[in-house]
Amino acid sequence: MYEFNETLEVALRRNVRDALGEDIGRGDWTAQLIPAGRLARGRVTAKEVAVICGRPWFDACMSALDPHASVTWNADEGQDVEPGTEICCIEADARALLSAERTALNFLQTLSAVATLTRRYVGAVAGYSPNPRGCVVLDTRKTMPGLRQAQKYAVRTGGGHNHRMALWDGILIKENHIAAAGSIREALRAAHALQAGVDIQIEVETLDELDEALAAGAENVLLDDFTLEDMHEAVVRNRGRALLEVSGGVELQTIAAIAATGVDRISVGKLTKDVRAVDLSLRIDR
């Protein structure tokens, strides 16, 4: 259906082109109030605690409208900042700076929000897992349309890990796939027969289904909406044979208890789905 799997670099260029295009369209009338050729300096300041993420998108927005624009960053990608921190200083053509301002900030605020929330979840599980392999926090495919690569980049920046990037990046056998195939064993057999060269994961909803999946040779199992008690029991029954991942209803207040059961991975949809933009301000120097 589609001819290639998009890379982060290609996605970044598409993101910036599309976002500037939808905002500027045939022209920014208000920016034309400023005399042509005038230079301006602007500063981005944090108004709350945040993990900075999205610098490449911000830079690309500025350079797309002014190839000579200069952005001096005072905060590294992935750096924690406090309110009042000056994030960066921009020197550019005044019209270009004003036209790019909103789009550049949108990327920086949104991706910083994902990185900030991810770091909170990662910090919440630190030191709680008895698993010798540790317990990692994963994202999901519940991303904003068009921003899959960008948001998953932000999760990595915040210290989390990526689940499959997209449908082409792995096989996840869910309830409806199992029903259509006839059984867990048949679904796994069909998945291996594809020889797709990608990870194969199967979702189970009960301990009996876990036993069936393990007996069929499953190496990666998703425990969907298990209770804490059943998670403990799943770890015992698994005996380290397969990677065990928990999903469904994971909250910042509950993730430590989930990690303490000994599972390998915890996926959290709200890292990329329930995004509240970080409060950043861009002001032009007089």
Protein backbone atom coordinates (compact mmCIF):
# COMPACT_ATOMS: atom_id res chain seq x y z
CA MET A 1 0.00 0.00 0.00
CA TYR A 2 2.82 2.39 0.92
CA GLU A 3 6.28 2.32 -0.57
CA PHE A 4 8.60 2.91 2.40
CA ASN A 5 8.86 2.98 6.18
CA GLU A 6 9.41 6.59 7.23
CA THR A 7 12.59 7.47 9.15
CA LEU A 8 12.90 10.10 11.86
CA GLU A 9 14.79 12.44 9.53
CA VAL A 10 12.15 12.20 6.80
CA ALA A 11 9.37 12.62 9.35
CA LEU A 12 11.00 15.75 10.79
CA ARG A 13 11.15 17.43 7.38
CA ARG A 14 7.53 16.46 6.68
CA ASN A 15 6.39 17.70 10.10
CA VAL A 16 7.96 21.12 9.62
CA ARG A 17 6.82 21.51 6.00
CA ASP A 18 3.24 20.56 6.81
CA ALA A 19 3.01 22.61 10.01
CA LEU A 20 4.40 25.78 8.43
CA GLY A 21 2.22 25.23 5.37
CA GLU A 22 -1.00 24.96 7.34
CA ASP A 23 -0.17 28.05 9.42
CA ILE A 24 1.23 30.42 6.80
CA GLY A 25 -0.62 29.28 3.70
CA ARG A 26 -0.27 31.95 0.99
CA GLY A 27 1.31 34.43 3.37
CA ASP A 28 1.51 35.97 6.86
CA TRP A 29 -0.21 39.35 6.57
CA THR A 30 0.60 40.43 10.11
CA ALA A 31 4.34 39.84 9.72
CA GLN A 32 4.30 42.23 6.78
CA LEU A 33 3.67 45.08 9.24
CA ILE A 34 7.41 44.85 9.95
CA PRO A 35 9.75 46.53 7.42
CA ALA A 36 11.44 44.02 5.11
CA GLY A 37 15.03 43.19 5.99
CA ARG A 38 14.79 44.14 9.66
CA LEU A 39 16.57 41.77 12.06
CA ALA A 40 15.15 40.72 15.42
CA ARG A 41 16.21 38.79 18.49
CA GLY A 42 13.89 36.56 20.46
CA ARG A 43 14.23 34.48 23.61
CA VAL A 44 12.42 31.33 24.72
CA THR A 45 11.89 31.03 28.48
CA ALA A 46 10.52 28.15 30.54
CA LYS A 47 7.54 28.99 32.73
CA GLU A 48 7.43 25.62 34.50
CA VAL A 49 9.61 22.60 35.29
CA ALA A 50 10.25 20.63 32.11
CA VAL A 51 12.50 18.28 30.15
CA ILE A 52 13.51 20.08 26.99
CA CYS A 53 12.84 18.18 23.76
CA GLY A 54 12.27 19.20 20.16
CA ARG A 55 15.28 21.36 19.36
CA PRO A 56 15.72 19.90 15.84
CA TRP A 57 12.10 20.76 14.97
CA PHE A 58 12.46 24.28 16.38
CA ASP A 59 15.68 24.89 14.45
CA ALA A 60 14.16 23.55 11.23
CA CYS A 61 11.16 25.87 11.51
CA MET A 62 13.42 28.90 11.85
CA SER A 63 15.84 27.94 9.08
CA ALA A 64 12.97 27.07 6.71
CA LEU A 65 11.90 30.73 6.69
CA ASP A 66 15.34 32.29 7.20
CA PRO A 67 18.31 30.13 6.14
CA HIS A 68 20.60 32.55 7.98
CA ALA A 69 18.71 32.36 11.28
CA SER A 70 20.86 31.65 14.33
CA VAL A 71 19.53 29.74 17.35
CA THR A 72 21.79 29.64 20.42
CA TRP A 73 20.67 26.96 22.87
CA ASN A 74 21.25 27.29 26.60
CA ALA A 75 19.56 23.96 27.42
CA ASP A 76 20.57 20.60 26.00
CA GLU A 77 18.08 18.15 24.51
CA GLY A 78 16.82 16.08 27.43
CA GLN A 79 17.91 18.60 30.07
CA ASP A 80 15.73 19.34 33.09
CA VAL A 81 14.98 23.05 33.44
CA GLU A 82 13.36 25.21 36.10
CA PRO A 83 10.88 28.07 35.66
CA GLY A 84 12.64 31.20 34.45
CA THR A 85 15.36 29.34 32.54
CA GLU A 86 16.25 30.94 29.22
CA ILE A 87 16.07 28.00 26.81
CA CYS A 88 17.45 29.65 23.69
CA CYS A 89 18.08 32.92 21.88
CA ILE A 90 17.12 33.43 18.21
CA GLU A 91 18.52 36.00 15.81
CA ALA A 92 16.73 36.10 12.46
CA ASP A 93 14.88 38.18 9.92
CA ALA A 94 12.04 39.74 11.89
CA ARG A 95 9.29 38.67 9.50
CA ALA A 96 10.61 35.09 9.40
CA LEU A 97 10.92 34.93 13.19
CA LEU A 98 7.37 36.13 13.71
CA SER A 99 5.95 33.74 11.09
CA ALA A 100 7.83 30.72 12.47
CA GLU A 101 7.26 31.55 16.14
CA ARG A 102 4.03 29.65 16.80
CA THR A 103 4.91 26.54 14.82
CA ALA A 104 8.39 26.28 16.34
CA LEU A 105 6.97 26.69 19.85
CA ASN A 106 4.23 24.14 19.19
CA PHE A 107 6.83 21.48 18.43
CA LEU A 108 9.05 22.42 21.39
CA GLN A 109 6.15 22.58 23.87
CA THR A 110 4.54 19.34 22.71
CA LEU A 111 7.67 17.22 22.54
CA SER A 112 8.96 18.63 25.82
CA ALA A 113 5.64 17.62 27.37
CA VAL A 114 6.07 14.00 26.21
CA ALA A 115 9.67 13.89 27.45
CA THR A 116 8.72 15.44 30.79
CA LEU A 117 5.89 13.00 31.49
CA THR A 118 8.02 10.05 30.38
CA ARG A 119 10.79 11.02 32.81
CA ARG A 120 8.26 11.12 35.63
CA TYR A 121 7.08 7.59 34.84
CA VAL A 122 10.63 6.29 34.47
CA GLY A 123 11.58 7.87 37.79
CA ALA A 124 8.53 6.33 39.46
CA VAL A 125 9.70 2.74 38.76
CA ALA A 126 13.36 3.29 39.71
CA GLY A 127 14.46 0.87 42.42
CA TYR A 128 11.16 -1.01 42.67
CA SER A 129 11.73 -3.97 40.35
CA PRO A 130 13.11 -7.27 41.67
CA ASN A 131 13.63 -8.41 38.07
CA PRO A 132 17.36 -8.91 37.30
CA ARG A 133 16.63 -7.65 33.78
CA GLY A 134 15.05 -4.52 35.20
CA CYS A 135 11.72 -3.00 34.21
CA VAL A 136 11.41 -0.49 31.37
CA VAL A 137 8.69 2.01 30.56
CA LEU A 138 7.34 1.80 27.00
CA ASP A 139 5.14 3.97 24.84
CA THR A 140 2.39 2.70 22.51
CA ARG A 141 1.00 3.55 19.06
CA LYS A 142 -1.48 5.98 20.66
CA THR A 143 0.24 8.99 19.14
CA MET A 144 -0.99 12.19 17.49
CA PRO A 145 -1.59 11.62 13.77
CA GLY A 146 1.49 12.66 11.83
CA LEU A 147 3.73 12.90 14.90
CA ARG A 148 4.54 9.21 15.49
CA GLN A 149 8.28 9.48 14.96
CA ALA A 150 8.52 12.80 16.79
CA GLN A 151 6.64 11.64 19.88
CA LYS A 152 8.52 8.37 20.10
CA TYR A 153 11.77 10.36 19.83
CA ALA A 154 10.52 12.44 22.77
CA VAL A 155 9.84 9.28 24.79
CA ARG A 156 13.45 8.19 24.24
CA THR A 157 14.64 11.66 25.21
CA GLY A 158 12.72 11.34 28.47
CA GLY A 159 14.39 8.02 29.28
CA GLY A 160 11.64 5.68 28.12
CA HIS A 161 11.73 2.96 25.46
CA ASN A 162 9.73 2.53 22.29
CA HIS A 163 7.26 -0.25 21.68
CA ARG A 164 6.92 -1.10 17.99
CA MET A 165 7.16 2.05 15.90
CA ALA A 166 4.26 1.09 13.64
CA LEU A 167 2.43 -1.90 12.16
CA TRP A 168 5.45 -2.64 9.96
CA ASP A 169 7.75 -2.81 13.00
CA GLY A 170 6.36 -5.85 14.80
CA ILE A 171 3.61 -8.42 15.15
CA LEU A 172 1.20 -7.97 18.05
CA ILE A 173 -1.40 -10.73 18.20
CA LYS A 174 -4.48 -9.46 20.01
CA GLU A 175 -7.83 -10.99 21.00
CA ASN A 176 -9.44 -10.56 17.58
CA HIS A 177 -6.43 -12.05 15.78
CA ILE A 178 -6.59 -15.09 18.06
CA ALA A 179 -10.32 -15.49 17.48
CA ALA A 180 -9.88 -15.29 13.72
CA ALA A 181 -6.95 -17.73 13.74
CA GLY A 182 -8.79 -20.23 15.95
CA SER A 183 -6.42 -20.42 18.92
CA ILE A 184 -3.33 -18.93 20.51
CA ARG A 185 -1.21 -21.78 19.14
CA GLU A 186 -2.51 -21.30 15.59
CA ALA A 187 -2.01 -17.54 15.73
CA LEU A 188 1.59 -17.95 16.87
CA ARG A 189 2.23 -20.61 14.22
CA ALA A 190 0.95 -18.31 11.49
CA ALA A 191 3.04 -15.42 12.81
CA HIS A 192 6.26 -17.45 12.73
CA ALA A 193 5.40 -18.75 9.26
CA LEU A 194 5.51 -15.18 7.92
CA GLN A 195 9.27 -15.02 8.61
CA ALA A 196 8.89 -11.23 8.76
CA GLY A 197 12.07 -10.66 10.76
CA VAL A 198 10.24 -8.64 13.43
CA ASP A 199 9.34 -9.28 17.08
CA ILE A 200 6.24 -11.37 17.75
CA GLN A 201 4.16 -10.52 20.80
CA ILE A 202 0.88 -12.08 21.90
CA GLU A 203 -1.70 -10.55 24.21
CA VAL A 204 -3.34 -12.65 26.93
CA GLU A 205 -6.19 -11.75 29.23
CA THR A 206 -6.04 -14.57 31.78
CA LEU A 207 -3.48 -16.81 33.48
CA ASP A 208 -4.81 -19.80 31.55
CA GLU A 209 -4.16 -17.97 28.29
CA LEU A 210 -0.65 -17.19 29.54
CA ASP A 211 -0.06 -20.91 30.14
CA GLU A 212 -1.33 -21.68 26.64
CA ALA A 213 0.91 -19.03 25.07
CA LEU A 214 4.00 -20.26 26.92
CA ALA A 215 3.26 -23.84 25.94
CA ALA A 216 3.08 -22.70 22.32
CA GLY A 217 6.54 -21.15 22.58
CA ALA A 218 5.66 -17.48 23.05
CA GLU A 219 8.72 -15.33 23.74
CA ASN A 220 6.98 -12.01 24.31
CA VAL A 221 3.64 -11.80 26.13
CA LEU A 222 1.43 -8.80 26.83
CA LEU A 223 -0.60 -9.09 30.05
CA ASP A 224 -3.72 -7.05 29.38
CA ASP A 225 -5.60 -5.59 32.37
CA PHE A 226 -4.18 -8.11 34.87
CA THR A 227 -4.58 -7.47 38.59
CA LEU A 228 -1.42 -7.04 40.67
CA GLU A 229 -2.02 -10.49 42.16
CA ASP A 230 -2.25 -12.06 38.71
CA MET A 231 0.87 -10.19 37.58
CA HIS A 232 2.79 -11.76 40.48
CA GLU A 233 1.45 -15.19 39.54
CA ALA A 234 2.28 -14.63 35.87
CA VAL A 235 5.91 -13.93 36.78
CA VAL A 236 6.03 -17.14 38.84
CA ARG A 237 4.52 -19.25 36.06
CA ASN A 238 6.70 -17.67 33.40
CA ARG A 239 9.98 -18.55 35.14
CA GLY A 240 11.87 -16.10 32.92
CA ARG A 241 10.96 -17.86 29.68
CA ALA A 242 9.26 -14.93 27.93
CA LEU A 243 9.33 -11.17 28.23
CA LEU A 244 6.29 -10.09 30.21
CA GLU A 245 4.73 -6.71 29.50
CA VAL A 246 1.86 -5.07 31.36
CA SER A 247 -0.60 -2.70 29.68
CA GLY A 248 -3.95 -1.16 30.49
CA GLY A 249 -4.84 1.50 33.05
CA VAL A 250 -1.29 2.27 34.15
CA GLU A 251 -1.08 5.47 36.20
CA LEU A 252 1.82 7.38 37.71
CA GLN A 253 0.50 6.42 41.16
CA THR A 254 0.34 2.68 40.36
CA ILE A 255 3.35 2.02 38.13
CA ALA A 256 5.78 1.38 41.00
CA ALA A 257 3.57 -1.43 42.36
CA ILE A 258 3.39 -2.94 38.89
CA ALA A 259 7.18 -2.86 38.54
CA ALA A 260 7.46 -4.53 41.94
CA THR A 261 5.69 -7.64 40.60
CA GLY A 262 8.79 -8.44 38.55
CA VAL A 263 7.43 -7.94 35.03
CA ASP A 264 9.89 -6.84 32.34
CA ARG A 265 8.05 -3.98 30.68
CA ILE A 266 5.19 -1.57 31.31
CA SER A 267 3.52 0.24 28.40
CA VAL A 268 1.81 3.57 29.02
CA GLY A 269 -0.45 5.01 26.33
CA LYS A 270 -0.88 8.39 27.98
CA LEU A 271 2.79 9.27 27.45
CA THR A 272 1.87 10.29 23.91
CA LYS A 273 -1.94 10.35 23.98
CA ASP A 274 -2.83 12.70 26.86
CA VAL A 275 -0.41 15.53 26.12
CA ARG A 276 -0.53 18.86 27.98
CA ALA A 277 1.94 21.21 26.35
CA VAL A 278 4.78 22.55 28.50
CA ASP A 279 4.44 26.29 29.15
CA LEU A 280 7.20 28.07 27.22
CA SER A 281 7.26 31.73 26.21
CA LEU A 282 8.94 33.40 23.19
CA ARG A 283 9.45 37.14 23.47
CA ILE A 284 11.04 39.53 20.97
CA ASP A 285 13.63 41.95 22.41
CA ARG A 286 12.72 45.61 21.94
